[in-house]
Amino acid sequence: MAVLAKPINRISVIKRQESQEFVREFNQNKVTNDFLESCKKAGKLFGKRK
């Protein structure tokens, strides 16, 4: 069974009052370099990719 997804071309609007909270949340959820390195090592274990 195939699953089809329709792309969403909407821009999210953040209210001025909520912008500081959004930026703080965004910065907390950034991917760290340590996590990226561990993902690269795991990728090497599971298979090769160009």
C-alpha atoms as a PDB file:
ATOM      1  CA  MET A   1       0.000   0.000   0.000  1.00  0.00           C
ATOM      2  CA  ALA A   2       1.399   3.375  -0.986  1.00  0.00           C
ATOM      3  CA  VAL A   3       1.188   6.463   1.166  1.00  0.00           C
ATOM      4  CA  LEU A   4       0.908   9.762  -0.621  1.00  0.00           C
ATOM      5  CA  ALA A   5       1.653  13.077   1.008  1.00  0.00           C
ATOM      6  CA  LYS A   6       0.707  16.484  -0.265  1.00  0.00           C
ATOM      7  CA  PRO A   7       3.335  19.184   0.290  1.00  0.00           C
ATOM      8  CA  ILE A   8       2.208  22.112   2.396  1.00  0.00           C
ATOM      9  CA  ASN A   9       3.170  25.504   1.029  1.00  0.00           C
ATOM     10  CA  ARG A  10       2.101  27.556   4.017  1.00  0.00           C
ATOM     11  CA  ILE A  11       4.329  29.847   6.032  1.00  0.00           C
ATOM     12  CA  SER A  12       4.021  29.665   9.796  1.00  0.00           C
ATOM     13  CA  VAL A  13       3.314  33.014  11.417  1.00  0.00           C
ATOM     14  CA  ILE A  14       4.644  33.616  14.900  1.00  0.00           C
ATOM     15  CA  LYS A  15       3.078  36.348  16.966  1.00  0.00           C
ATOM     16  CA  ARG A  16       5.324  39.055  18.352  1.00  0.00           C
ATOM     17  CA  GLN A  17       4.464  38.092  21.937  1.00  0.00           C
ATOM     18  CA  GLU A  18       5.491  34.491  21.323  1.00  0.00           C
ATOM     19  CA  SER A  19       8.676  35.164  19.343  1.00  0.00           C
ATOM     20  CA  GLN A  20      11.078  35.051  22.301  1.00  0.00           C
ATOM     21  CA  GLU A  21       9.651  31.748  23.465  1.00  0.00           C
ATOM     22  CA  PHE A  22       9.872  30.359  19.917  1.00  0.00           C
ATOM     23  CA  VAL A  23      13.548  31.346  19.577  1.00  0.00           C
ATOM     24  CA  ARG A  24      14.390  29.874  22.991  1.00  0.00           C
ATOM     25  CA  GLU A  25      12.620  26.591  22.128  1.00  0.00           C
ATOM     26  CA  PHE A  26      14.293  26.484  18.703  1.00  0.00           C
ATOM     27  CA  ASN A  27      17.759  26.937  20.197  1.00  0.00           C
ATOM     28  CA  GLN A  28      17.151  24.200  22.769  1.00  0.00           C
ATOM     29  CA  ASN A  29      16.209  21.726  20.036  1.00  0.00           C
ATOM     30  CA  LYS A  30      19.260  22.262  17.811  1.00  0.00           C
ATOM     31  CA  VAL A  31      21.255  19.183  16.855  1.00  0.00           C
ATOM     32  CA  THR A  32      24.649  19.089  18.536  1.00  0.00           C
ATOM     33  CA  ASN A  33      27.915  18.158  16.843  1.00  0.00           C
ATOM     34  CA  ASP A  34      28.281  15.156  19.184  1.00  0.00           C
ATOM     35  CA  PHE A  35      24.924  13.816  18.010  1.00  0.00           C
ATOM     36  CA  LEU A  36      25.891  14.287  14.357  1.00  0.00           C
ATOM     37  CA  GLU A  37      29.154  12.427  14.902  1.00  0.00           C
ATOM     38  CA  SER A  38      27.354   9.511  16.559  1.00  0.00           C
ATOM     39  CA  CYS A  39      24.906   9.382  13.632  1.00  0.00           C
ATOM     40  CA  LYS A  40      27.798   9.249  11.165  1.00  0.00           C
ATOM     41  CA  LYS A  41      29.403   6.390  13.089  1.00  0.00           C
ATOM     42  CA  ALA A  42      26.105   4.495  13.222  1.00  0.00           C
ATOM     43  CA  GLY A  43      25.654   5.039   9.484  1.00  0.00           C
ATOM     44  CA  LYS A  44      29.028   3.459   8.810  1.00  0.00           C
ATOM     45  CA  LEU A  45      27.988   0.389  10.799  1.00  0.00           C
ATOM     46  CA  PHE A  46      24.717  -0.132   8.929  1.00  0.00           C
ATOM     47  CA  GLY A  47      25.813   0.498   5.393  1.00  0.00           C
ATOM     48  CA  LYS A  48      27.611   2.690   2.932  1.00  0.00           C
ATOM     49  CA  ARG A  49      26.164   5.783   1.415  1.00  0.00           C
ATOM     50  CA  LYS A  50      27.647   8.133  -1.137  1.00  0.00           C
END
